[in-house]
């Protein structure tokens, strides 16, 4: 068993930041061990961050994500080399990572949009895996990412920005250490809300989280590279309470704008 260590996690959502879209970002943010995207970001931006920090990317789609046409005529539907967490729980560097994509449905044909009933069904489909993880490893999930927020936790009054009650139930039932989301632009102090032992954090436009883990690993499931071959299973022991997160910047750089 390896000793506990601190991981620096870069979480991003909704707005590509010039401050990060430059090689100089490595000088003032490194080290970054893991990148998490909560959606609505250009795939090229996410691929740049992977290359810049030489760190694996896990993501969920936001309601504005869609196909991107490349200069050579190819079409991509996701950042190349990243791992889609939607509806899954994966082990990475001692952490159990889970995720669910999308926002509330506000357009009949909207991509990555779901009614409350549809999201409840998607959450329930994850329950057997979460219960198995908790029975075998002592916890269901450490860090959960979504595009939309939980209902009544920093969400908006309009349908497009309303959170999901299913997410609140998931948090209360399975108690992840962190629930990270985007979708809601804000201006002022960063929204960080505790629900029991879980911290719900709006990561727009970016957030650096430091978290202590015990990377015990499992020799039965060897890693096959920095960005591929992730195992949708969990290993390790509970790592205890997380330290106070490091969170630059404390305020959003821009006011809320647009239908996001």
Protein backbone atom coordinates (compact mmCIF):
# COMPACT_ATOMS: atom_id res chain seq x y z
CA UNK A 1 0.00 0.00 0.00
CA UNK A 2 1.33 3.39 -0.96
CA UNK A 3 1.10 6.31 1.41
CA UNK A 4 -1.45 9.07 1.06
CA UNK A 5 -0.59 11.83 -1.38
CA UNK A 6 -2.19 14.98 -2.68
CA UNK A 7 -3.63 15.20 -6.16
CA UNK A 8 -4.21 18.50 -7.93
CA UNK A 9 -7.31 18.29 -10.08
CA UNK A 10 -8.21 20.87 -12.73
CA UNK A 11 -11.98 21.02 -13.25
CA UNK A 12 -13.33 23.08 -16.17
CA UNK A 13 -16.72 23.93 -17.60
CA UNK A 14 -18.64 26.15 -20.04
CA UNK A 15 -16.01 28.73 -21.02
CA UNK A 16 -12.58 28.34 -22.56
CA UNK A 17 -10.24 30.63 -20.65
CA UNK A 18 -7.41 32.48 -22.38
CA UNK A 19 -5.38 32.18 -19.19
CA UNK A 20 -5.41 28.38 -19.58
CA UNK A 21 -5.23 28.29 -23.38
CA UNK A 22 -1.50 29.10 -23.36
CA UNK A 23 1.70 27.17 -22.55
CA UNK A 24 2.37 29.62 -19.72
CA UNK A 25 -0.49 28.07 -17.75
CA UNK A 26 1.76 25.13 -16.99
CA UNK A 27 4.16 27.40 -15.13
CA UNK A 28 1.63 28.73 -12.61
CA UNK A 29 -0.77 25.76 -12.31
CA UNK A 30 1.49 22.70 -12.41
CA UNK A 31 1.42 20.08 -11.26
CA UNK A 32 -2.00 18.96 -12.50
CA UNK A 33 -2.56 15.24 -12.10
CA UNK A 34 -6.11 14.93 -13.41
CA UNK A 35 -8.47 17.00 -15.60
CA UNK A 36 -12.26 16.87 -15.26
CA UNK A 37 -14.65 18.55 -17.70
CA UNK A 38 -18.26 19.26 -16.77
CA UNK A 39 -19.22 20.02 -20.36
CA UNK A 40 -19.91 22.77 -22.89
CA UNK A 41 -16.27 23.25 -23.88
CA UNK A 42 -14.54 22.97 -27.28
CA UNK A 43 -12.96 19.56 -27.69
CA UNK A 44 -9.73 21.12 -28.95
CA UNK A 45 -9.46 23.12 -25.72
CA UNK A 46 -9.74 19.95 -23.65
CA UNK A 47 -7.18 18.16 -25.82
CA UNK A 48 -4.82 21.12 -25.38
CA UNK A 49 -5.14 20.87 -21.59
CA UNK A 50 -4.37 17.15 -21.71
CA UNK A 51 -1.20 17.79 -23.71
CA UNK A 52 -0.18 20.82 -21.67
CA UNK A 53 -0.34 19.08 -18.30
CA UNK A 54 0.27 15.52 -19.53
CA UNK A 55 -2.74 14.47 -17.47
CA UNK A 56 -5.71 12.17 -18.18
CA UNK A 57 -9.09 13.72 -18.97
CA UNK A 58 -12.48 12.51 -17.80
CA UNK A 59 -15.57 14.35 -19.04
CA UNK A 60 -19.32 14.52 -19.39
CA UNK A 61 -21.17 16.34 -22.16
CA UNK A 62 -23.08 19.57 -21.64
CA UNK A 63 -26.27 20.62 -23.39
CA UNK A 64 -24.36 22.72 -25.94
CA UNK A 65 -21.87 20.01 -26.90
CA UNK A 66 -22.15 18.57 -30.37
CA UNK A 67 -20.21 17.40 -33.42
CA UNK A 68 -17.18 19.51 -34.40
CA UNK A 69 -15.98 19.69 -38.01
CA UNK A 70 -12.19 19.59 -38.33
CA UNK A 71 -10.11 21.31 -40.99
CA UNK A 72 -9.38 17.97 -42.69
CA UNK A 73 -13.08 17.23 -43.07
CA UNK A 74 -13.34 14.78 -40.20
CA UNK A 75 -16.08 15.14 -37.58
CA UNK A 76 -15.39 14.50 -33.91
CA UNK A 77 -17.99 13.97 -31.23
CA UNK A 78 -15.78 14.11 -28.15
CA UNK A 79 -12.24 15.12 -27.13
CA UNK A 80 -9.82 12.56 -28.50
CA UNK A 81 -8.03 10.64 -25.76
CA UNK A 82 -10.51 11.54 -23.03
CA UNK A 83 -12.72 9.15 -21.07
CA UNK A 84 -16.48 9.69 -21.06
CA UNK A 85 -17.77 9.25 -17.48
CA UNK A 86 -21.46 9.41 -18.34
CA UNK A 87 -23.27 6.66 -16.44
CA UNK A 88 -20.01 5.07 -15.29
CA UNK A 89 -17.76 4.77 -12.25
CA UNK A 90 -14.04 4.51 -13.02
CA UNK A 91 -10.93 4.22 -10.90
CA UNK A 92 -8.14 6.74 -11.45
CA UNK A 93 -5.12 7.44 -9.24
CA UNK A 94 -6.83 6.19 -6.10
CA UNK A 95 -10.16 7.92 -6.73
CA UNK A 96 -13.55 6.56 -7.73
CA UNK A 97 -14.92 8.90 -10.41
CA UNK A 98 -18.53 8.94 -11.57
CA UNK A 99 -20.56 11.19 -13.83
CA UNK A 100 -23.77 12.04 -15.66
CA UNK A 101 -24.13 14.33 -18.66
CA UNK A 102 -26.67 16.92 -19.73
CA UNK A 103 -29.14 19.53 -18.52
CA UNK A 104 -32.89 19.80 -18.06
CA UNK A 105 -34.78 19.40 -21.31
CA UNK A 106 -35.91 22.79 -22.60
CA UNK A 107 -36.04 21.94 -26.31
CA UNK A 108 -37.88 18.92 -27.76
CA UNK A 109 -34.90 17.90 -29.88
CA UNK A 110 -32.10 19.17 -27.65
CA UNK A 111 -28.89 17.17 -27.51
CA UNK A 112 -27.81 15.97 -24.06
CA UNK A 113 -31.05 17.18 -22.46
CA UNK A 114 -33.23 15.14 -20.09
CA UNK A 115 -36.50 15.45 -18.23
CA UNK A 116 -36.49 14.91 -14.48
CA UNK A 117 -38.00 11.45 -15.02
CA UNK A 118 -35.33 10.54 -17.56
CA UNK A 119 -32.56 11.60 -15.20
CA UNK A 120 -34.06 9.60 -12.34
CA UNK A 121 -33.91 6.54 -14.60
CA UNK A 122 -30.28 7.26 -15.50
CA UNK A 123 -29.36 7.62 -11.82
CA UNK A 124 -31.15 4.38 -10.91
CA UNK A 125 -29.19 2.54 -13.61
CA UNK A 126 -26.00 3.43 -11.72
CA UNK A 127 -27.28 2.20 -8.35
CA UNK A 128 -26.16 -1.47 -8.65
CA UNK A 129 -22.58 -0.41 -9.41
CA UNK A 130 -22.55 2.17 -6.63
CA UNK A 131 -23.90 -0.36 -4.11
CA UNK A 132 -21.32 -2.91 -5.19
CA UNK A 133 -18.51 -0.41 -4.80
CA UNK A 134 -19.67 0.54 -1.32
CA UNK A 135 -19.97 -3.08 -0.24
CA UNK A 136 -16.58 -4.07 -1.59
CA UNK A 137 -14.46 -0.93 -1.17
CA UNK A 138 -16.11 0.94 1.67
CA UNK A 139 -17.54 3.81 -0.42
CA UNK A 140 -19.62 4.16 -3.57
CA UNK A 141 -17.87 7.06 -5.32
CA UNK A 142 -15.36 9.73 -4.29
CA UNK A 143 -15.90 12.44 -6.87
CA UNK A 144 -18.95 12.86 -9.09
CA UNK A 145 -19.15 15.23 -12.06
CA UNK A 146 -22.23 16.46 -13.91
CA UNK A 147 -23.07 19.33 -16.20
CA UNK A 148 -26.22 20.42 -14.37
CA UNK A 149 -26.43 21.14 -10.61
CA UNK A 150 -28.57 19.39 -8.02
CA UNK A 151 -32.06 20.86 -7.61
CA UNK A 152 -32.20 24.00 -5.43
CA UNK A 153 -28.42 24.08 -4.99
CA UNK A 154 -27.38 27.17 -6.93
CA UNK A 155 -29.61 26.42 -9.89
CA UNK A 156 -31.73 28.92 -11.80
CA UNK A 157 -35.44 29.66 -11.87
CA UNK A 158 -35.84 29.01 -15.62
CA UNK A 159 -36.29 25.47 -16.89
CA UNK A 160 -32.99 25.39 -18.81
CA UNK A 161 -31.00 26.07 -15.63
CA UNK A 162 -33.09 24.09 -13.15
CA UNK A 163 -31.17 21.34 -11.40
CA UNK A 164 -32.12 17.68 -10.98
CA UNK A 165 -33.76 16.32 -7.84
CA UNK A 166 -32.25 12.96 -8.78
CA UNK A 167 -28.79 14.42 -8.15
CA UNK A 168 -29.77 15.47 -4.62
CA UNK A 169 -30.96 11.95 -3.91
CA UNK A 170 -27.73 10.50 -5.31
CA UNK A 171 -25.67 12.80 -3.07
CA UNK A 172 -27.68 12.01 0.05
CA UNK A 173 -27.72 8.28 -0.64
CA UNK A 174 -24.12 7.68 -1.77
CA UNK A 175 -22.25 10.62 -0.16
CA UNK A 176 -19.42 11.42 -2.59
CA UNK A 177 -16.69 13.64 -1.20
CA UNK A 178 -17.27 16.14 -4.01
CA UNK A 179 -20.01 16.80 -6.56
CA UNK A 180 -18.71 19.09 -9.33
CA UNK A 181 -20.92 20.75 -11.94
CA UNK A 182 -21.04 23.64 -14.40
CA UNK A 183 -23.92 25.02 -16.53
CA UNK A 184 -24.60 28.01 -14.23
CA UNK A 185 -22.52 31.10 -14.97
CA UNK A 186 -22.09 33.38 -11.97
CA UNK A 187 -20.40 36.56 -10.88
CA UNK A 188 -19.07 36.84 -7.35
CA UNK A 189 -17.97 34.30 -4.74
CA UNK A 190 -17.78 30.75 -6.02
CA UNK A 191 -20.84 28.67 -5.05
CA UNK A 192 -19.68 25.89 -2.71
CA UNK A 193 -22.49 24.19 -0.80
CA UNK A 194 -22.23 21.31 1.68
CA UNK A 195 -24.83 18.54 1.61
CA UNK A 196 -23.87 16.38 4.56
CA UNK A 197 -20.23 15.37 3.99
CA UNK A 198 -20.41 16.26 0.28
CA UNK A 199 -19.21 19.59 -1.12
CA UNK A 200 -21.19 20.70 -4.18
CA UNK A 201 -18.99 23.03 -6.26
CA UNK A 202 -19.77 25.04 -9.38
CA UNK A 203 -16.46 24.84 -11.28
CA UNK A 204 -17.25 27.51 -13.94
CA UNK A 205 -14.99 28.44 -15.67
CA UNK A 206 -12.23 26.50 -13.90
CA UNK A 207 -11.35 25.32 -10.41
CA UNK A 208 -8.29 23.66 -8.91
CA UNK A 209 -9.07 21.09 -6.24
CA UNK A 210 -6.43 19.53 -4.02
CA UNK A 211 -7.49 16.21 -2.57
CA UNK A 212 -5.66 13.63 -0.48
CA UNK A 213 -5.85 10.02 -1.68
CA UNK A 214 -4.26 6.67 -0.96
CA UNK A 215 -3.36 5.26 -4.35
CA UNK A 216 -3.35 1.59 -3.38
CA UNK A 217 -4.07 0.31 -6.88
CA UNK A 218 -4.88 -3.26 -7.83
CA UNK A 219 -2.41 -5.45 -9.68
CA UNK A 220 -5.27 -7.38 -11.30
CA UNK A 221 -6.18 -4.30 -13.35
CA UNK A 222 -2.95 -2.82 -14.73
CA UNK A 223 -3.01 0.61 -16.31
CA UNK A 224 -2.33 0.71 -20.02
CA UNK A 225 -1.32 4.33 -20.47
CA UNK A 226 -1.96 7.87 -19.34
CA UNK A 227 -5.12 8.35 -21.36
CA UNK A 228 -6.47 5.00 -22.42
CA UNK A 229 -7.35 1.65 -20.97
CA UNK A 230 -9.24 2.95 -17.92
CA UNK A 231 -11.05 0.31 -15.92
CA UNK A 232 -14.74 0.89 -15.06
CA UNK A 233 -14.16 -0.63 -11.63
CA UNK A 234 -12.97 0.58 -8.27
CA UNK A 235 -10.04 -0.25 -6.02
CA UNK A 236 -8.57 1.20 -2.89
CA UNK A 237 -9.58 2.06 0.63
CA UNK A 238 -11.44 5.08 1.92
CA UNK A 239 -9.10 8.03 2.10
CA UNK A 240 -10.91 9.89 4.86
CA UNK A 241 -11.88 13.53 5.05
CA UNK A 242 -10.57 15.79 2.33
CA UNK A 243 -8.49 18.85 3.23
CA UNK A 244 -9.74 22.35 2.62
CA UNK A 245 -9.79 22.74 -1.19
CA UNK A 246 -7.53 25.16 -2.99
CA UNK A 247 -9.71 27.22 -5.30
CA UNK A 248 -8.30 29.89 -7.59
CA UNK A 249 -10.05 32.04 -8.60
CA UNK A 250 -12.51 32.69 -5.77
CA UNK A 251 -14.66 34.78 -8.07
CA UNK A 252 -15.87 34.18 -11.59
CA UNK A 253 -14.09 36.29 -14.17
CA UNK A 254 -17.28 37.27 -16.01
CA UNK A 255 -20.96 37.78 -15.16
CA UNK A 256 -23.56 35.27 -16.23
CA UNK A 257 -24.52 35.55 -19.87
CA UNK A 258 -26.62 33.70 -22.39
CA UNK A 259 -28.69 30.53 -22.21
CA UNK A 260 -26.19 27.99 -20.91
